[in-house]
Amino acid sequence: TSVPGLKCVCQSNAYDAKGLLIQAIRDNDPVVFLEHKALYDIPGVETPDEAYTIPFGEARFVRDGSEFTVVAMGLMVHIASGVAEELAKAGISAEIIDPRTTSPLDEDSILESVEKTGRLVVMDESAARCGFAHDIAALVADRAFSSLKAPIKTVTPPHTPVPFAPALEDAWLPGPDDLVKAITAVMEY
C-alpha cells in the first residue's frame, strides 16, 4: 500500500473477490490482490455467473450503525460483524466498513462514518506498528478530529513475530474479545 503506483485489494467475501479480481485484470496499473486463506471456508455469499466489476476505492458498508464505526478488512470483517450482531441484541449500534482496497482508499466513506458516529475502532490483523490500523487512525485524527467523542482504538496482534504453532497463532490474532474490549473503551466516553 505504501508503494506509489500499486493498487492493493483485500477482499472479505466471494462476491467482492470476483468483482475486484475482474477489475484488477482489466486495470492498466499493477494490482496486488490479497486473499485470506481462512475465508475459503466461509459460506453465505452468492456470486453471479456473469462478469461484473467492483471499482477500486469504494468501501462497502457492511452494517449501518450510529454509535461507533469499525473499519476492518478480510477475515476481520467477519469477526466484527459477529461482534456487532451480539452488541445489537444489547441495543448497541455499530457501523462496519470494509474498505476492500487499501490503495486507493475510500477515505471519504470512513471520514463520513466517523463524523456520524463520533467513535472509531480499527480491527486489523497486520502489524501492531506501522500497519493499516494506524494509517486509518492517523487519517481520522488528522481530518475528523473534531468529530471524535472518544479516543481512537486499534485492535491488532501484539508487536511480536507471528508464532509458528497454529494454536499460538490463533491466540496471537485479534479476536472477538479484543474487539469487544476496544468497543467498551470507546463507548465509555
C-alpha atoms as a PDB file:
ATOM      1  CA  THR A   1       0.000   0.000   0.000  1.00  0.00           C
ATOM      2  CA  SER A   2       2.840   2.387   0.729  1.00  0.00           C
ATOM      3  CA  VAL A   3       4.349   1.969  -2.766  1.00  0.00           C
ATOM      4  CA  PRO A   4       3.074   4.717  -5.107  1.00  0.00           C
ATOM      5  CA  GLY A   5       1.509   3.334  -8.278  1.00  0.00           C
ATOM      6  CA  LEU A   6       0.460  -0.026  -6.847  1.00  0.00           C
ATOM      7  CA  LYS A   7      -3.198  -0.725  -6.271  1.00  0.00           C
ATOM      8  CA  CYS A   8      -3.937  -3.036  -3.345  1.00  0.00           C
ATOM      9  CA  VAL A   9      -7.015  -5.192  -2.873  1.00  0.00           C
ATOM     10  CA  CYS A  10      -8.029  -7.116   0.261  1.00  0.00           C
ATOM     11  CA  GLN A  11     -11.448  -8.697  -0.187  1.00  0.00           C
ATOM     12  CA  SER A  12     -13.590 -10.248   2.545  1.00  0.00           C
ATOM     13  CA  ASN A  13     -16.085 -12.395   0.617  1.00  0.00           C
ATOM     14  CA  ALA A  14     -16.527 -14.320  -2.619  1.00  0.00           C
ATOM     15  CA  TYR A  15     -18.724 -11.703  -4.295  1.00  0.00           C
ATOM     16  CA  ASP A  16     -16.137  -8.968  -3.737  1.00  0.00           C
ATOM     17  CA  ALA A  17     -13.311 -11.321  -4.710  1.00  0.00           C
ATOM     18  CA  LYS A  18     -14.801 -11.970  -8.144  1.00  0.00           C
ATOM     19  CA  GLY A  19     -15.708  -8.346  -8.866  1.00  0.00           C
ATOM     20  CA  LEU A  20     -12.397  -6.968  -7.637  1.00  0.00           C
ATOM     21  CA  LEU A  21     -10.359  -9.642  -9.460  1.00  0.00           C
ATOM     22  CA  ILE A  22     -12.073  -8.874 -12.763  1.00  0.00           C
ATOM     23  CA  GLN A  23     -11.436  -5.170 -12.109  1.00  0.00           C
ATOM     24  CA  ALA A  24      -7.767  -5.970 -11.382  1.00  0.00           C
ATOM     25  CA  ILE A  25      -7.390  -7.921 -14.630  1.00  0.00           C
ATOM     26  CA  ARG A  26      -8.909  -5.065 -16.629  1.00  0.00           C
ATOM     27  CA  ASP A  27      -6.877  -2.365 -14.869  1.00  0.00           C
ATOM     28  CA  ASN A  28      -3.865  -0.920 -16.682  1.00  0.00           C
ATOM     29  CA  ASP A  29      -1.880  -0.451 -13.460  1.00  0.00           C
ATOM     30  CA  PRO A  30      -0.215  -3.137 -11.335  1.00  0.00           C
ATOM     31  CA  VAL A  31      -2.556  -4.578  -8.699  1.00  0.00           C
ATOM     32  CA  VAL A  32      -1.627  -6.560  -5.597  1.00  0.00           C
ATOM     33  CA  PHE A  33      -4.562  -8.873  -4.876  1.00  0.00           C
ATOM     34  CA  LEU A  34      -4.585 -10.404  -1.393  1.00  0.00           C
ATOM     35  CA  GLU A  35      -6.689 -13.411  -0.460  1.00  0.00           C
ATOM     36  CA  HIS A  36      -7.070 -14.619   3.112  1.00  0.00           C
ATOM     37  CA  LYS A  37      -6.854 -18.400   3.300  1.00  0.00           C
ATOM     38  CA  ALA A  38      -9.292 -18.514   6.236  1.00  0.00           C
ATOM     39  CA  LEU A  39     -12.020 -17.002   4.031  1.00  0.00           C
ATOM     40  CA  TYR A  40     -12.151 -20.003   1.692  1.00  0.00           C
ATOM     41  CA  ASP A  41     -14.397 -21.918   4.095  1.00  0.00           C
ATOM     42  CA  ILE A  42     -16.836 -19.096   4.910  1.00  0.00           C
ATOM     43  CA  PRO A  43     -20.158 -19.731   3.153  1.00  0.00           C
ATOM     44  CA  GLY A  44     -23.089 -17.462   2.532  1.00  0.00           C
ATOM     45  CA  VAL A  45     -22.267 -15.052  -0.294  1.00  0.00           C
ATOM     46  CA  GLU A  46     -23.685 -15.858  -3.708  1.00  0.00           C
ATOM     47  CA  THR A  47     -21.736 -14.828  -6.780  1.00  0.00           C
ATOM     48  CA  PRO A  48     -23.454 -14.399 -10.142  1.00  0.00           C
ATOM     49  CA  ASP A  49     -22.177 -16.397 -13.099  1.00  0.00           C
ATOM     50  CA  GLU A  50     -21.911 -13.302 -15.302  1.00  0.00           C
ATOM     51  CA  ALA A  51     -18.916 -10.979 -15.151  1.00  0.00           C
ATOM     52  CA  TYR A  52     -19.091  -7.807 -13.051  1.00  0.00           C
ATOM     53  CA  THR A  53     -16.573  -5.408 -11.591  1.00  0.00           C
ATOM     54  CA  ILE A  54     -16.281  -3.549  -8.326  1.00  0.00           C
ATOM     55  CA  PRO A  55     -14.477  -0.213  -8.662  1.00  0.00           C
ATOM     56  CA  PHE A  56     -11.316   0.253  -6.647  1.00  0.00           C
ATOM     57  CA  GLY A  57     -11.544   2.836  -3.882  1.00  0.00           C
ATOM     58  CA  GLU A  58     -15.189   2.183  -2.969  1.00  0.00           C
ATOM     59  CA  ALA A  59     -15.714   0.859   0.546  1.00  0.00           C
ATOM     60  CA  ARG A  60     -18.560  -1.474   1.410  1.00  0.00           C
ATOM     61  CA  PHE A  61     -20.826  -0.557   4.291  1.00  0.00           C
ATOM     62  CA  VAL A  62     -21.294  -3.970   5.864  1.00  0.00           C
ATOM     63  CA  ARG A  63     -23.602  -2.700   8.596  1.00  0.00           C
ATOM     64  CA  ASP A  64     -25.243   0.648   9.224  1.00  0.00           C
ATOM     65  CA  GLY A  65     -24.954   1.991  12.758  1.00  0.00           C
ATOM     66  CA  SER A  66     -24.966   5.151  14.816  1.00  0.00           C
ATOM     67  CA  GLU A  67     -22.838   4.753  17.956  1.00  0.00           C
ATOM     68  CA  PHE A  68     -19.384   3.803  16.663  1.00  0.00           C
ATOM     69  CA  THR A  69     -17.549   2.882  13.479  1.00  0.00           C
ATOM     70  CA  VAL A  70     -15.477  -0.265  12.992  1.00  0.00           C
ATOM     71  CA  VAL A  71     -13.143  -0.378   9.997  1.00  0.00           C
ATOM     72  CA  ALA A  72     -11.981  -3.926   9.222  1.00  0.00           C
ATOM     73  CA  MET A  73     -10.625  -5.882   6.248  1.00  0.00           C
ATOM     74  CA  GLY A  74     -10.513  -9.504   5.143  1.00  0.00           C
ATOM     75  CA  LEU A  75     -11.256 -12.019   7.880  1.00  0.00           C
ATOM     76  CA  MET A  76     -11.610  -9.227  10.442  1.00  0.00           C
ATOM     77  CA  VAL A  77     -14.832  -8.090   8.697  1.00  0.00           C
ATOM     78  CA  HIS A  78     -16.481 -11.371   9.707  1.00  0.00           C
ATOM     79  CA  ILE A  79     -15.278 -11.109  13.291  1.00  0.00           C
ATOM     80  CA  ALA A  80     -16.505  -7.509  13.508  1.00  0.00           C
ATOM     81  CA  SER A  81     -19.872  -8.492  12.021  1.00  0.00           C
ATOM     82  CA  GLY A  82     -20.338 -11.240  14.592  1.00  0.00           C
ATOM     83  CA  VAL A  83     -19.500  -8.864  17.443  1.00  0.00           C
ATOM     84  CA  ALA A  84     -21.834  -6.197  16.043  1.00  0.00           C
ATOM     85  CA  GLU A  85     -24.639  -8.765  15.833  1.00  0.00           C
ATOM     86  CA  GLU A  86     -24.217  -9.609  19.515  1.00  0.00           C
ATOM     87  CA  LEU A  87     -23.981  -5.945  20.539  1.00  0.00           C
ATOM     88  CA  ALA A  88     -27.157  -5.162  18.588  1.00  0.00           C
ATOM     89  CA  LYS A  89     -29.039  -7.557  20.889  1.00  0.00           C
ATOM     90  CA  ALA A  90     -27.986  -5.265  23.748  1.00  0.00           C
ATOM     91  CA  GLY A  91     -29.121  -2.170  21.844  1.00  0.00           C
ATOM     92  CA  ILE A  92     -25.623  -1.022  20.788  1.00  0.00           C
ATOM     93  CA  SER A  93     -25.441   0.164  17.171  1.00  0.00           C
ATOM     94  CA  ALA A  94     -22.221  -0.448  15.207  1.00  0.00           C
ATOM     95  CA  GLU A  95     -21.381   0.756  11.719  1.00  0.00           C
ATOM     96  CA  ILE A  96     -18.932  -1.559   9.944  1.00  0.00           C
ATOM     97  CA  ILE A  97     -16.903  -0.505   6.934  1.00  0.00           C
ATOM     98  CA  ASP A  98     -14.892  -2.852   4.728  1.00  0.00           C
ATOM     99  CA  PRO A  99     -12.517  -0.682   2.640  1.00  0.00           C
ATOM    100  CA  ARG A 100     -11.947  -3.544   0.132  1.00  0.00           C
ATOM    101  CA  THR A 101      -8.953  -1.671  -1.273  1.00  0.00           C
ATOM    102  CA  THR A 102      -6.164  -0.012   0.683  1.00  0.00           C
ATOM    103  CA  SER A 103      -4.823   1.833  -2.331  1.00  0.00           C
ATOM    104  CA  PRO A 104      -6.844   3.653  -3.495  1.00  0.00           C
ATOM    105  CA  LEU A 105      -8.546   4.048  -0.118  1.00  0.00           C
ATOM    106  CA  ASP A 106     -12.106   5.314   0.227  1.00  0.00           C
ATOM    107  CA  GLU A 107     -11.182   7.965   2.774  1.00  0.00           C
ATOM    108  CA  ASP A 108     -14.448   9.862   2.337  1.00  0.00           C
ATOM    109  CA  SER A 109     -16.638   6.937   3.461  1.00  0.00           C
ATOM    110  CA  ILE A 110     -14.510   6.348   6.555  1.00  0.00           C
ATOM    111  CA  LEU A 111     -14.494  10.029   7.475  1.00  0.00           C
ATOM    112  CA  GLU A 112     -18.249  10.420   6.896  1.00  0.00           C
ATOM    113  CA  SER A 113     -18.951   7.436   9.119  1.00  0.00           C
ATOM    114  CA  VAL A 114     -16.759   8.713  11.939  1.00  0.00           C
ATOM    115  CA  GLU A 115     -18.322  12.169  11.643  1.00  0.00           C
ATOM    116  CA  LYS A 116     -21.717  10.472  12.092  1.00  0.00           C
ATOM    117  CA  THR A 117     -20.800   8.132  14.970  1.00  0.00           C
ATOM    118  CA  GLY A 118     -18.024  10.071  16.720  1.00  0.00           C
ATOM    119  CA  ARG A 119     -16.123   6.907  17.611  1.00  0.00           C
ATOM    120  CA  LEU A 120     -13.656   4.697  15.723  1.00  0.00           C
ATOM    121  CA  VAL A 121     -12.256   1.223  16.266  1.00  0.00           C
ATOM    122  CA  VAL A 122      -9.976  -0.247  13.592  1.00  0.00           C
ATOM    123  CA  MET A 123      -9.506  -4.026  13.541  1.00  0.00           C
ATOM    124  CA  ASP A 124      -6.551  -5.318  11.581  1.00  0.00           C
ATOM    125  CA  GLU A 125      -4.506  -8.492  11.735  1.00  0.00           C
ATOM    126  CA  SER A 126      -1.366  -6.902  10.317  1.00  0.00           C
ATOM    127  CA  ALA A 127       1.492  -5.434  12.319  1.00  0.00           C
ATOM    128  CA  ALA A 128       0.788  -3.659  15.570  1.00  0.00           C
ATOM    129  CA  ARG A 129       3.169  -0.907  14.472  1.00  0.00           C
ATOM    130  CA  CYS A 130       3.088   0.999  11.168  1.00  0.00           C
ATOM    131  CA  GLY A 131       0.155  -1.037   9.857  1.00  0.00           C
ATOM    132  CA  PHE A 132      -3.187  -0.389   8.238  1.00  0.00           C
ATOM    133  CA  ALA A 133      -4.971   0.244  11.557  1.00  0.00           C
ATOM    134  CA  HIS A 134      -2.596   3.052  12.404  1.00  0.00           C
ATOM    135  CA  ASP A 135      -2.908   4.533   8.923  1.00  0.00           C
ATOM    136  CA  ILE A 136      -6.697   4.746   9.327  1.00  0.00           C
ATOM    137  CA  ALA A 137      -6.331   6.120  12.867  1.00  0.00           C
ATOM    138  CA  ALA A 138      -3.959   8.820  11.601  1.00  0.00           C
ATOM    139  CA  LEU A 139      -6.312   9.712   8.756  1.00  0.00           C
ATOM    140  CA  VAL A 140      -9.234  10.209  11.137  1.00  0.00           C
ATOM    141  CA  ALA A 141      -7.136  12.043  13.733  1.00  0.00           C
ATOM    142  CA  ASP A 142      -5.915  14.408  11.031  1.00  0.00           C
ATOM    143  CA  ARG A 143      -9.149  15.034   9.138  1.00  0.00           C
ATOM    144  CA  ALA A 144     -12.011  14.328  11.559  1.00  0.00           C
ATOM    145  CA  PHE A 145     -10.544  15.010  14.993  1.00  0.00           C
ATOM    146  CA  SER A 146     -13.248  17.494  15.951  1.00  0.00           C
ATOM    147  CA  SER A 147     -15.905  14.821  15.329  1.00  0.00           C
ATOM    148  CA  LEU A 148     -14.403  12.348  17.802  1.00  0.00           C
ATOM    149  CA  LYS A 149     -16.205  11.763  21.105  1.00  0.00           C
ATOM    150  CA  ALA A 150     -13.625   9.219  22.291  1.00  0.00           C
ATOM    151  CA  PRO A 151     -10.020   8.217  21.602  1.00  0.00           C
ATOM    152  CA  ILE A 152      -9.488   6.017  18.540  1.00  0.00           C
ATOM    153  CA  LYS A 153      -8.807   2.374  19.381  1.00  0.00           C
ATOM    154  CA  THR A 154      -6.886  -0.115  17.251  1.00  0.00           C
ATOM    155  CA  VAL A 155      -7.272  -3.863  17.602  1.00  0.00           C
ATOM    156  CA  THR A 156      -4.157  -5.582  16.269  1.00  0.00           C
ATOM    157  CA  PRO A 157      -1.912  -8.509  17.187  1.00  0.00           C
ATOM    158  CA  PRO A 158       0.844  -7.888  19.720  1.00  0.00           C
ATOM    159  CA  HIS A 159       4.097  -6.379  18.437  1.00  0.00           C
ATOM    160  CA  THR A 160       5.809  -9.766  18.093  1.00  0.00           C
ATOM    161  CA  PRO A 161       6.627 -12.119  15.229  1.00  0.00           C
ATOM    162  CA  VAL A 162       3.786 -14.388  14.087  1.00  0.00           C
ATOM    163  CA  PRO A 163       4.039 -17.631  16.091  1.00  0.00           C
ATOM    164  CA  PHE A 164       4.707 -20.789  14.112  1.00  0.00           C
ATOM    165  CA  ALA A 165       2.445 -23.141  16.101  1.00  0.00           C
ATOM    166  CA  PRO A 166      -1.188 -22.947  14.915  1.00  0.00           C
ATOM    167  CA  ALA A 167      -2.579 -22.721  18.468  1.00  0.00           C
ATOM    168  CA  LEU A 168      -0.247 -19.844  19.269  1.00  0.00           C
ATOM    169  CA  GLU A 169      -1.056 -18.095  16.011  1.00  0.00           C
ATOM    170  CA  ASP A 170      -4.765 -18.312  16.870  1.00  0.00           C
ATOM    171  CA  ALA A 171      -4.057 -16.726  20.251  1.00  0.00           C
ATOM    172  CA  TRP A 172      -1.889 -14.057  18.582  1.00  0.00           C
ATOM    173  CA  LEU A 173      -4.564 -12.942  16.103  1.00  0.00           C
ATOM    174  CA  PRO A 174      -7.084 -10.351  17.295  1.00  0.00           C
ATOM    175  CA  GLY A 175     -10.450 -11.874  18.050  1.00  0.00           C
ATOM    176  CA  PRO A 176     -13.961 -11.019  19.206  1.00  0.00           C
ATOM    177  CA  ASP A 177     -12.957 -10.464  22.849  1.00  0.00           C
ATOM    178  CA  ASP A 178     -10.266  -7.971  21.793  1.00  0.00           C
ATOM    179  CA  LEU A 179     -12.790  -6.065  19.706  1.00  0.00           C
ATOM    180  CA  VAL A 180     -15.393  -6.006  22.492  1.00  0.00           C
ATOM    181  CA  LYS A 181     -12.772  -4.636  24.893  1.00  0.00           C
ATOM    182  CA  ALA A 182     -11.922  -1.806  22.470  1.00  0.00           C
ATOM    183  CA  ILE A 183     -15.581  -1.025  21.793  1.00  0.00           C
ATOM    184  CA  THR A 184     -16.314  -0.933  25.519  1.00  0.00           C
ATOM    185  CA  ALA A 185     -13.461   1.547  25.969  1.00  0.00           C
ATOM    186  CA  VAL A 186     -14.731   3.940  23.291  1.00  0.00           C
ATOM    187  CA  MET A 187     -18.321   3.671  24.498  1.00  0.00           C
ATOM    188  CA  GLU A 188     -17.321   4.853  27.985  1.00  0.00           C
ATOM    189  CA  TYR A 189     -16.887   8.377  26.645  1.00  0.00           C
END
